[in-house]
Structure formats: C-alpha cells, structure tokens
Amino acid sequence: MTYACEDCGFLFYRAGEVRECPSCEKNHIRSATKEETQRLQTLLERGKPTLPVEEEQTL
C-alpha cells in the first residue's frame, strides 16, 4: 500500500501496518491518493527516490 505523510509530504510503500512516517517519524500518515501513488511510481521509475519540496509548495 502507498502512504503519504500529512506533516512532511513524504510518499512511501509499505506492506502491513504503518504507525509513523519513515522520514519525519510523526504519526500523521494516510493512504495516498491515486495521483500521489502515480507520482511516486513515476519517481521510482526515473530512479529519483526523493522529490525536493520548497517551503509553502503543495504536493
């Protein structure tokens, strides 16, 4: 399943239960939207594990 962190915007895959974001370690995670899942897949296919986010930018 694909998840998104509400605090830092990190997108990630995990199998099983998830309690916190692996990036910021906060527990404000949710299931990713279809668009977020597609964006993560595109980034992984391009070999870019991270997406730089500027302050006040919405993902």
PDB file of N, CA and C in Angstrom:
ATOM      1  N   MET A   1       0.840  -1.173   0.000  1.00  0.00           N
ATOM      2  CA  MET A   1       0.000   0.000   0.000  1.00  0.00           C
ATOM      3  C   MET A   1       0.891   1.245   0.000  1.00  0.00           C
ATOM      4  N   THR A   2       0.401   2.314  -0.593  1.00  0.00           N
ATOM      5  CA  THR A   2       1.134   3.564  -0.654  1.00  0.00           C
ATOM      6  C   THR A   2       0.555   4.532   0.375  1.00  0.00           C
ATOM      7  N   TYR A   3       1.457   5.210   1.079  1.00  0.00           N
ATOM      8  CA  TYR A   3       1.061   6.144   2.123  1.00  0.00           C
ATOM      9  C   TYR A   3       1.641   7.520   1.860  1.00  0.00           C
ATOM     10  N   ALA A   4       1.024   8.538   2.465  1.00  0.00           N
ATOM     11  CA  ALA A   4       1.515   9.910   2.408  1.00  0.00           C
ATOM     12  C   ALA A   4       1.530  10.472   3.820  1.00  0.00           C
ATOM     13  N   CYS A   5       2.568  11.224   4.134  1.00  0.00           N
ATOM     14  CA  CYS A   5       2.669  11.868   5.441  1.00  0.00           C
ATOM     15  C   CYS A   5       2.029  13.247   5.349  1.00  0.00           C
ATOM     16  N   GLU A   6       1.125  13.539   6.253  1.00  0.00           N
ATOM     17  CA  GLU A   6       0.453  14.843   6.286  1.00  0.00           C
ATOM     18  C   GLU A   6       1.393  15.952   6.759  1.00  0.00           C
ATOM     19  N   ASP A   7       2.457  15.611   7.481  1.00  0.00           N
ATOM     20  CA  ASP A   7       3.378  16.617   8.013  1.00  0.00           C
ATOM     21  C   ASP A   7       4.449  17.021   7.003  1.00  0.00           C
ATOM     22  N   CYS A   8       5.160  16.042   6.451  1.00  0.00           N
ATOM     23  CA  CYS A   8       6.287  16.377   5.574  1.00  0.00           C
ATOM     24  C   CYS A   8       6.028  16.084   4.093  1.00  0.00           C
ATOM     25  N   GLY A   9       4.910  15.413   3.762  1.00  0.00           N
ATOM     26  CA  GLY A   9       4.587  15.133   2.370  1.00  0.00           C
ATOM     27  C   GLY A   9       5.285  13.922   1.785  1.00  0.00           C
ATOM     28  N   PHE A  10       6.015  13.176   2.600  1.00  0.00           N
ATOM     29  CA  PHE A  10       6.756  12.003   2.132  1.00  0.00           C
ATOM     30  C   PHE A  10       5.794  10.939   1.623  1.00  0.00           C
ATOM     31  N   LEU A  11       6.103  10.356   0.459  1.00  0.00           N
ATOM     32  CA  LEU A  11       5.317   9.269  -0.116  1.00  0.00           C
ATOM     33  C   LEU A  11       6.134   7.999  -0.025  1.00  0.00           C
ATOM     34  N   PHE A  12       5.474   6.883   0.378  1.00  0.00           N
ATOM     35  CA  PHE A  12       6.216   5.638   0.538  1.00  0.00           C
ATOM     36  C   PHE A  12       5.299   4.433   0.449  1.00  0.00           C
ATOM     37  N   TYR A  13       5.915   3.281   0.077  1.00  0.00           N
ATOM     38  CA  TYR A  13       5.224   1.994   0.035  1.00  0.00           C
ATOM     39  C   TYR A  13       5.533   1.231   1.307  1.00  0.00           C
ATOM     40  N   ARG A  14       4.539   0.500   1.812  1.00  0.00           N
ATOM     41  CA  ARG A  14       4.762  -0.414   2.930  1.00  0.00           C
ATOM     42  C   ARG A  14       3.749  -1.542   2.846  1.00  0.00           C
ATOM     43  N   ALA A  15       4.171  -2.717   3.235  1.00  0.00           N
ATOM     44  CA  ALA A  15       3.262  -3.854   3.380  1.00  0.00           C
ATOM     45  C   ALA A  15       3.002  -3.996   4.870  1.00  0.00           C
ATOM     46  N   GLY A  16       1.747  -4.128   5.237  1.00  0.00           N
ATOM     47  CA  GLY A  16       1.425  -4.273   6.651  1.00  0.00           C
ATOM     48  C   GLY A  16       1.142  -2.944   7.321  1.00  0.00           C
ATOM     49  N   GLU A  17       1.032  -2.998   8.626  1.00  0.00           N
ATOM     50  CA  GLU A  17       0.659  -1.842   9.419  1.00  0.00           C
ATOM     51  C   GLU A  17       1.772  -0.800   9.482  1.00  0.00           C
ATOM     52  N   VAL A  18       1.379   0.458   9.381  1.00  0.00           N
ATOM     53  CA  VAL A  18       2.313   1.577   9.455  1.00  0.00           C
ATOM     54  C   VAL A  18       1.818   2.515  10.541  1.00  0.00           C
ATOM     55  N   ARG A  19       2.706   2.932  11.417  1.00  0.00           N
ATOM     56  CA  ARG A  19       2.323   3.810  12.523  1.00  0.00           C
ATOM     57  C   ARG A  19       2.930   5.207  12.416  1.00  0.00           C
ATOM     58  N   GLU A  20       4.060   5.319  11.706  1.00  0.00           N
ATOM     59  CA  GLU A  20       4.706   6.627  11.611  1.00  0.00           C
ATOM     60  C   GLU A  20       5.436   6.759  10.289  1.00  0.00           C
ATOM     61  N   CYS A  21       5.701   7.994   9.923  1.00  0.00           N
ATOM     62  CA  CYS A  21       6.420   8.304   8.690  1.00  0.00           C
ATOM     63  C   CYS A  21       7.885   7.901   8.841  1.00  0.00           C
ATOM     64  N   PRO A  22       8.439   7.200   7.861  1.00  0.00           N
ATOM     65  CA  PRO A  22       9.854   6.831   7.943  1.00  0.00           C
ATOM     66  C   PRO A  22      10.798   8.020   7.751  1.00  0.00           C
ATOM     67  N   SER A  23      10.276   9.136   7.278  1.00  0.00           N
ATOM     68  CA  SER A  23      11.114  10.304   7.064  1.00  0.00           C
ATOM     69  C   SER A  23      11.142  11.215   8.292  1.00  0.00           C
ATOM     70  N   CYS A  24       9.971  11.644   8.757  1.00  0.00           N
ATOM     71  CA  CYS A  24       9.931  12.593   9.878  1.00  0.00           C
ATOM     72  C   CYS A  24       9.525  11.943  11.203  1.00  0.00           C
ATOM     73  N   GLU A  25       9.129  10.694  11.156  1.00  0.00           N
ATOM     74  CA  GLU A  25       8.761   9.885  12.325  1.00  0.00           C
ATOM     75  C   GLU A  25       7.522  10.390  13.069  1.00  0.00           C
ATOM     76  N   LYS A  26       6.694  11.186  12.412  1.00  0.00           N
ATOM     77  CA  LYS A  26       5.431  11.622  13.012  1.00  0.00           C
ATOM     78  C   LYS A  26       4.334  10.643  12.604  1.00  0.00           C
ATOM     79  N   ASN A  27       3.230  10.650  13.327  1.00  0.00           N
ATOM     80  CA  ASN A  27       2.198   9.652  13.066  1.00  0.00           C
ATOM     81  C   ASN A  27       0.988  10.197  12.310  1.00  0.00           C
ATOM     82  N   HIS A  28       1.176  11.219  11.518  1.00  0.00           N
ATOM     83  CA  HIS A  28       0.091  11.787  10.717  1.00  0.00           C
ATOM     84  C   HIS A  28       0.166  11.263   9.290  1.00  0.00           C
ATOM     85  N   ILE A  29      -0.051   9.971   9.120  1.00  0.00           N
ATOM     86  CA  ILE A  29       0.008   9.362   7.791  1.00  0.00           C
ATOM     87  C   ILE A  29      -1.395   8.952   7.366  1.00  0.00           C
ATOM     88  N   ARG A  30      -1.561   8.823   6.065  1.00  0.00           N
ATOM     89  CA  ARG A  30      -2.833   8.408   5.485  1.00  0.00           C
ATOM     90  C   ARG A  30      -2.549   7.645   4.203  1.00  0.00           C
ATOM     91  N   SER A  31      -3.571   6.992   3.698  1.00  0.00           N
ATOM     92  CA  SER A  31      -3.437   6.322   2.405  1.00  0.00           C
ATOM     93  C   SER A  31      -3.238   7.386   1.335  1.00  0.00           C
ATOM     94  N   ALA A  32      -2.342   7.123   0.415  1.00  0.00           N
ATOM     95  CA  ALA A  32      -2.066   8.077  -0.664  1.00  0.00           C
ATOM     96  C   ALA A  32      -3.224   8.100  -1.656  1.00  0.00           C
ATOM     97  N   THR A  33      -3.426   9.251  -2.273  1.00  0.00           N
ATOM     98  CA  THR A  33      -4.428   9.369  -3.321  1.00  0.00           C
ATOM     99  C   THR A  33      -3.904   8.673  -4.587  1.00  0.00           C
ATOM    100  N   LYS A  34      -4.776   8.504  -5.543  1.00  0.00           N
ATOM    101  CA  LYS A  34      -4.375   7.887  -6.805  1.00  0.00           C
ATOM    102  C   LYS A  34      -3.268   8.706  -7.480  1.00  0.00           C
ATOM    103  N   GLU A  35      -3.405  10.028  -7.437  1.00  0.00           N
ATOM    104  CA  GLU A  35      -2.404  10.902  -8.054  1.00  0.00           C
ATOM    105  C   GLU A  35      -1.055  10.797  -7.341  1.00  0.00           C
ATOM    106  N   GLU A  36      -1.070  10.741  -6.023  1.00  0.00           N
ATOM    107  CA  GLU A  36       0.172  10.603  -5.255  1.00  0.00           C
ATOM    108  C   GLU A  36       0.843   9.268  -5.540  1.00  0.00           C
ATOM    109  N   THR A  37       0.045   8.219  -5.647  1.00  0.00           N
ATOM    110  CA  THR A  37       0.581   6.892  -5.961  1.00  0.00           C
ATOM    111  C   THR A  37       1.239   6.897  -7.338  1.00  0.00           C
ATOM    112  N   GLN A  38       0.595   7.535  -8.304  1.00  0.00           N
ATOM    113  CA  GLN A  38       1.169   7.624  -9.655  1.00  0.00           C
ATOM    114  C   GLN A  38       2.454   8.447  -9.650  1.00  0.00           C
ATOM    115  N   ARG A  39       2.483   9.533  -8.878  1.00  0.00           N
ATOM    116  CA  ARG A  39       3.685  10.376  -8.796  1.00  0.00           C
ATOM    117  C   ARG A  39       4.850   9.591  -8.202  1.00  0.00           C
ATOM    118  N   LEU A  40       4.590   8.821  -7.140  1.00  0.00           N
ATOM    119  CA  LEU A  40       5.651   8.010  -6.532  1.00  0.00           C
ATOM    120  C   LEU A  40       6.159   6.971  -7.527  1.00  0.00           C
ATOM    121  N   GLN A  41       5.261   6.323  -8.233  1.00  0.00           N
ATOM    122  CA  GLN A  41       5.665   5.314  -9.219  1.00  0.00           C
ATOM    123  C   GLN A  41       6.538   5.935 -10.305  1.00  0.00           C
ATOM    124  N   THR A  42       6.169   7.112 -10.774  1.00  0.00           N
ATOM    125  CA  THR A  42       6.956   7.804 -11.792  1.00  0.00           C
ATOM    126  C   THR A  42       8.356   8.134 -11.272  1.00  0.00           C
ATOM    127  N   LEU A  43       8.437   8.636 -10.047  1.00  0.00           N
ATOM    128  CA  LEU A  43       9.737   8.958  -9.455  1.00  0.00           C
ATOM    129  C   LEU A  43      10.609   7.717  -9.315  1.00  0.00           C
ATOM    130  N   LEU A  44      10.017   6.626  -8.881  1.00  0.00           N
ATOM    131  CA  LEU A  44      10.780   5.384  -8.724  1.00  0.00           C
ATOM    132  C   LEU A  44      11.266   4.857 -10.067  1.00  0.00           C
ATOM    133  N   GLU A  45      10.448   4.973 -11.092  1.00  0.00           N
ATOM    134  CA  GLU A  45      10.845   4.531 -12.434  1.00  0.00           C
ATOM    135  C   GLU A  45      11.984   5.378 -12.982  1.00  0.00           C
ATOM    136  N   ARG A  46      12.027   6.635 -12.623  1.00  0.00           N
ATOM    137  CA  ARG A  46      13.090   7.538 -13.077  1.00  0.00           C
ATOM    138  C   ARG A  46      14.354   7.404 -12.239  1.00  0.00           C
ATOM    139  N   GLY A  47      14.267   6.655 -11.147  1.00  0.00           N
ATOM    140  CA  GLY A  47      15.435   6.473 -10.296  1.00  0.00           C
ATOM    141  C   GLY A  47      15.680   7.613  -9.338  1.00  0.00           C
ATOM    142  N   LYS A  48      14.642   8.421  -9.086  1.00  0.00           N
ATOM    143  CA  LYS A  48      14.760   9.538  -8.163  1.00  0.00           C
ATOM    144  C   LYS A  48      13.970   9.194  -6.901  1.00  0.00           C
ATOM    145  N   PRO A  49      14.661   8.795  -5.840  1.00  0.00           N
ATOM    146  CA  PRO A  49      13.958   8.374  -4.625  1.00  0.00           C
ATOM    147  C   PRO A  49      13.328   9.505  -3.832  1.00  0.00           C
ATOM    148  N   THR A  50      13.691  10.756  -4.124  1.00  0.00           N
ATOM    149  CA  THR A  50      13.110  11.874  -3.393  1.00  0.00           C
ATOM    150  C   THR A  50      12.671  12.962  -4.348  1.00  0.00           C
ATOM    151  N   LEU A  51      11.733  13.750  -3.904  1.00  0.00           N
ATOM    152  CA  LEU A  51      11.256  14.887  -4.670  1.00  0.00           C
ATOM    153  C   LEU A  51      11.462  16.126  -3.825  1.00  0.00           C
ATOM    154  N   PRO A  52      12.309  17.045  -4.259  1.00  0.00           N
ATOM    155  CA  PRO A  52      12.540  18.242  -3.461  1.00  0.00           C
ATOM    156  C   PRO A  52      11.269  19.080  -3.375  1.00  0.00           C
ATOM    157  N   VAL A  53      10.955  19.546  -2.187  1.00  0.00           N
ATOM    158  CA  VAL A  53       9.774  20.359  -1.959  1.00  0.00           C
ATOM    159  C   VAL A  53      10.224  21.668  -1.344  1.00  0.00           C
ATOM    160  N   GLU A  54       9.823  22.753  -1.992  1.00  0.00           N
ATOM    161  CA  GLU A  54      10.176  24.056  -1.465  1.00  0.00           C
ATOM    162  C   GLU A  54       9.130  24.489  -0.453  1.00  0.00           C
ATOM    163  N   GLU A  55       9.531  25.345   0.464  1.00  0.00           N
ATOM    164  CA  GLU A  55       8.626  25.823   1.503  1.00  0.00           C
ATOM    165  C   GLU A  55       7.361  26.410   0.873  1.00  0.00           C
ATOM    166  N   GLU A  56       6.224  26.104   1.448  1.00  0.00           N
ATOM    167  CA  GLU A  56       4.912  26.546   1.024  1.00  0.00           C
ATOM    168  C   GLU A  56       4.450  25.918  -0.288  1.00  0.00           C
ATOM    169  N   GLN A  57       5.124  24.903  -0.802  1.00  0.00           N
ATOM    170  CA  GLN A  57       4.713  24.210  -2.020  1.00  0.00           C
ATOM    171  C   GLN A  57       3.787  23.058  -1.629  1.00  0.00           C
ATOM    172  N   THR A  58       2.712  22.908  -2.379  1.00  0.00           N
ATOM    173  CA  THR A  58       1.780  21.820  -2.129  1.00  0.00           C
ATOM    174  C   THR A  58       2.058  20.686  -3.102  1.00  0.00           C
ATOM    175  N   LEU A  59       2.134  19.488  -2.576  1.00  0.00           N
ATOM    176  CA  LEU A  59       2.367  18.324  -3.436  1.00  0.00           C
ATOM    177  C   LEU A  59       1.077  17.801  -3.980  1.00  0.00           C
TER     178      LEU A  59
END
